[in-house]
N, C-alpha and C. Protein backbone atom coordinates (compact mmCIF):
# COMPACT_ATOMS: atom_id res chain seq x y z
N UNK A 1 156.38 102.75 36.56
CA UNK A 1 155.35 102.57 37.57
C UNK A 1 155.11 101.08 37.76
N UNK A 2 155.10 100.63 38.98
CA UNK A 2 154.87 99.22 39.25
C UNK A 2 153.39 98.91 39.19
N UNK A 3 153.06 97.63 38.99
CA UNK A 3 151.66 97.24 38.92
C UNK A 3 150.94 97.57 40.22
N UNK A 4 151.54 97.31 41.37
CA UNK A 4 150.91 97.59 42.65
C UNK A 4 150.63 99.07 42.82
N UNK A 5 151.58 99.90 42.42
CA UNK A 5 151.39 101.35 42.55
C UNK A 5 150.26 101.82 41.64
N UNK A 6 150.18 101.26 40.43
CA UNK A 6 149.13 101.68 39.51
C UNK A 6 147.77 101.26 40.06
N UNK A 7 147.66 100.05 40.59
CA UNK A 7 146.38 99.59 41.13
C UNK A 7 145.96 100.47 42.29
N UNK A 8 146.89 100.82 43.19
CA UNK A 8 146.56 101.69 44.32
C UNK A 8 146.04 103.04 43.83
N UNK A 9 146.70 103.60 42.82
CA UNK A 9 146.29 104.90 42.29
C UNK A 9 144.89 104.82 41.71
N UNK A 10 144.60 103.75 40.99
CA UNK A 10 143.29 103.59 40.37
C UNK A 10 142.23 103.39 41.44
N UNK A 11 142.49 102.55 42.44
CA UNK A 11 141.50 102.27 43.46
C UNK A 11 141.21 103.48 44.33
N UNK A 12 142.16 104.40 44.42
CA UNK A 12 141.90 105.60 45.21
C UNK A 12 140.99 106.57 44.45
N UNK A 13 140.79 106.33 43.16
CA UNK A 13 139.94 107.17 42.32
C UNK A 13 138.69 106.39 41.89
N UNK A 14 137.90 105.96 42.86
CA UNK A 14 136.70 105.18 42.58
C UNK A 14 135.70 106.05 41.80
N UNK A 15 135.19 105.53 40.68
CA UNK A 15 134.21 106.31 39.92
C UNK A 15 132.93 106.49 40.71
N UNK A 16 132.33 107.63 40.57
CA UNK A 16 131.09 107.94 41.28
C UNK A 16 130.09 108.53 40.29
N UNK A 17 128.81 108.37 40.61
CA UNK A 17 127.71 108.91 39.79
C UNK A 17 127.74 108.38 38.36
N UNK A 18 128.14 107.12 38.18
CA UNK A 18 128.11 106.50 36.86
C UNK A 18 126.66 106.33 36.44
N UNK A 19 126.29 106.71 35.21
CA UNK A 19 124.89 106.54 34.80
C UNK A 19 124.56 105.06 34.56
N UNK A 20 123.36 104.67 34.93
CA UNK A 20 122.88 103.32 34.68
C UNK A 20 122.91 103.04 33.18
N UNK A 21 123.37 101.85 32.80
CA UNK A 21 123.44 101.48 31.39
C UNK A 21 122.06 101.26 30.78
N UNK A 22 121.03 101.12 31.61
CA UNK A 22 119.68 100.89 31.09
C UNK A 22 118.81 102.14 31.14
N UNK A 23 118.74 102.80 32.32
CA UNK A 23 117.81 103.93 32.44
C UNK A 23 118.50 105.30 32.56
N UNK A 24 119.82 105.31 32.78
CA UNK A 24 120.56 106.57 32.84
C UNK A 24 120.61 107.24 34.21
N UNK A 25 119.96 106.67 35.22
CA UNK A 25 119.99 107.24 36.57
C UNK A 25 121.41 107.16 37.13
N UNK A 26 121.94 108.24 37.70
CA UNK A 26 123.29 108.18 38.29
C UNK A 26 123.33 107.21 39.48
N UNK A 27 124.38 106.40 39.53
CA UNK A 27 124.59 105.44 40.62
C UNK A 27 125.74 105.99 41.46
N UNK A 28 125.52 106.18 42.78
CA UNK A 28 126.53 106.84 43.63
C UNK A 28 127.92 106.20 43.59
N UNK A 29 127.99 104.86 43.67
CA UNK A 29 129.29 104.19 43.66
C UNK A 29 129.09 102.72 43.28
N UNK A 30 130.15 102.04 42.84
CA UNK A 30 130.01 100.63 42.46
C UNK A 30 129.80 99.75 43.70
N UNK A 31 129.14 98.61 43.49
CA UNK A 31 128.95 97.63 44.55
C UNK A 31 130.22 96.82 44.81
N UNK A 32 130.99 96.61 43.76
CA UNK A 32 132.16 95.73 43.84
C UNK A 32 133.23 96.27 42.92
N UNK A 33 134.49 96.19 43.37
CA UNK A 33 135.64 96.60 42.55
C UNK A 33 136.62 95.45 42.55
N UNK A 34 137.04 95.05 41.36
CA UNK A 34 137.98 93.93 41.24
C UNK A 34 139.15 94.34 40.35
N UNK A 35 140.31 94.61 40.95
CA UNK A 35 141.48 94.95 40.14
C UNK A 35 142.09 93.70 39.52
N UNK A 36 142.67 93.88 38.36
CA UNK A 36 143.38 92.80 37.66
C UNK A 36 144.56 93.41 36.95
N UNK A 37 145.33 92.58 36.28
CA UNK A 37 146.50 93.08 35.58
C UNK A 37 146.06 93.90 34.37
N UNK A 38 146.33 95.20 34.42
CA UNK A 38 146.00 96.09 33.32
C UNK A 38 144.54 96.50 33.24
N UNK A 39 143.75 96.17 34.27
CA UNK A 39 142.33 96.51 34.23
C UNK A 39 141.76 96.58 35.64
N UNK A 40 140.61 97.23 35.75
CA UNK A 40 139.82 97.24 36.97
C UNK A 40 138.37 97.05 36.55
N UNK A 41 137.67 96.09 37.15
CA UNK A 41 136.26 95.85 36.86
C UNK A 41 135.40 96.43 37.97
N UNK A 42 134.28 97.01 37.58
CA UNK A 42 133.34 97.61 38.53
C UNK A 42 131.97 96.99 38.31
N UNK A 43 131.31 96.55 39.40
CA UNK A 43 129.95 96.04 39.32
C UNK A 43 129.01 97.11 39.85
N UNK A 44 128.02 97.48 39.04
CA UNK A 44 127.09 98.55 39.37
C UNK A 44 125.68 97.97 39.49
N UNK A 45 124.87 98.49 40.42
CA UNK A 45 123.46 98.14 40.55
C UNK A 45 122.65 99.43 40.61
N UNK A 46 121.69 99.54 39.73
CA UNK A 46 120.81 100.71 39.72
C UNK A 46 119.62 100.42 40.62
N UNK A 47 119.43 101.26 41.62
CA UNK A 47 118.32 101.07 42.55
C UNK A 47 117.01 101.63 41.98
N UNK A 48 117.08 102.37 40.87
CA UNK A 48 115.88 102.90 40.24
C UNK A 48 115.17 101.83 39.39
N UNK A 49 115.97 101.02 38.65
CA UNK A 49 115.37 100.02 37.76
C UNK A 49 115.86 98.59 38.03
N UNK A 50 116.71 98.42 39.04
CA UNK A 50 117.26 97.12 39.45
C UNK A 50 118.15 96.46 38.39
N UNK A 51 118.68 97.24 37.47
CA UNK A 51 119.58 96.71 36.45
C UNK A 51 120.98 96.60 37.04
N UNK A 52 121.67 95.49 36.75
CA UNK A 52 123.06 95.29 37.20
C UNK A 52 123.94 95.16 35.97
N UNK A 53 125.11 95.77 36.02
CA UNK A 53 126.03 95.68 34.89
C UNK A 53 127.46 95.85 35.38
N UNK A 54 128.40 95.43 34.54
CA UNK A 54 129.82 95.53 34.84
C UNK A 54 130.45 96.50 33.86
N UNK A 55 131.34 97.32 34.38
CA UNK A 55 132.14 98.22 33.54
C UNK A 55 133.60 97.89 33.80
N UNK A 56 134.42 97.90 32.76
CA UNK A 56 135.83 97.55 32.88
C UNK A 56 136.68 98.70 32.38
N UNK A 57 137.64 99.12 33.20
CA UNK A 57 138.62 100.14 32.79
C UNK A 57 139.90 99.39 32.41
N UNK A 58 140.43 99.64 31.22
CA UNK A 58 141.64 98.99 30.73
C UNK A 58 142.71 100.06 30.57
N UNK A 59 143.91 99.74 31.03
CA UNK A 59 145.01 100.69 31.03
C UNK A 59 146.07 100.30 30.01
N UNK A 60 146.40 101.24 29.10
CA UNK A 60 147.38 100.99 28.06
C UNK A 60 148.80 100.83 28.60
N UNK A 61 149.12 101.47 29.73
CA UNK A 61 150.48 101.43 30.26
C UNK A 61 150.97 100.01 30.50
N UNK A 62 150.11 99.10 30.94
CA UNK A 62 150.50 97.73 31.21
C UNK A 62 150.84 97.03 29.90
N UNK A 63 150.08 97.31 28.84
CA UNK A 63 150.35 96.70 27.54
C UNK A 63 151.73 97.10 27.04
N UNK A 64 152.16 98.31 27.33
CA UNK A 64 153.49 98.76 26.91
C UNK A 64 154.56 98.07 27.72
N UNK A 65 154.35 97.88 29.03
CA UNK A 65 155.33 97.23 29.88
C UNK A 65 155.46 95.74 29.57
N UNK A 66 154.38 95.10 29.12
CA UNK A 66 154.37 93.66 28.85
C UNK A 66 153.87 93.41 27.44
N UNK A 67 154.75 93.55 26.43
CA UNK A 67 154.31 93.34 25.05
C UNK A 67 153.88 91.88 24.83
N UNK A 68 153.03 91.61 23.83
CA UNK A 68 152.59 90.24 23.55
C UNK A 68 153.77 89.33 23.21
N UNK A 69 153.65 88.06 23.58
CA UNK A 69 154.73 87.10 23.32
C UNK A 69 154.76 86.66 21.86
N UNK A 70 153.61 86.63 21.20
CA UNK A 70 153.54 86.18 19.81
C UNK A 70 153.13 87.37 18.91
N UNK A 71 153.62 87.34 17.70
CA UNK A 71 153.29 88.41 16.75
C UNK A 71 152.07 88.07 15.94
């Protein structure tokens, strides 16, 4: 699987109803999505308590395709 294909697959599956990290209220969708190599970051804002937080999804498949250079 290519990196571009993996990012497209992940972005098409946007998380919804994520609970607020502070008060637990479900948040309909993230405010911002930022894909990166082997990860996708999501910025969430809770409109119930005004708490903002970031959640990061990390994918093991990229680590297998690109092993570390140093042991």
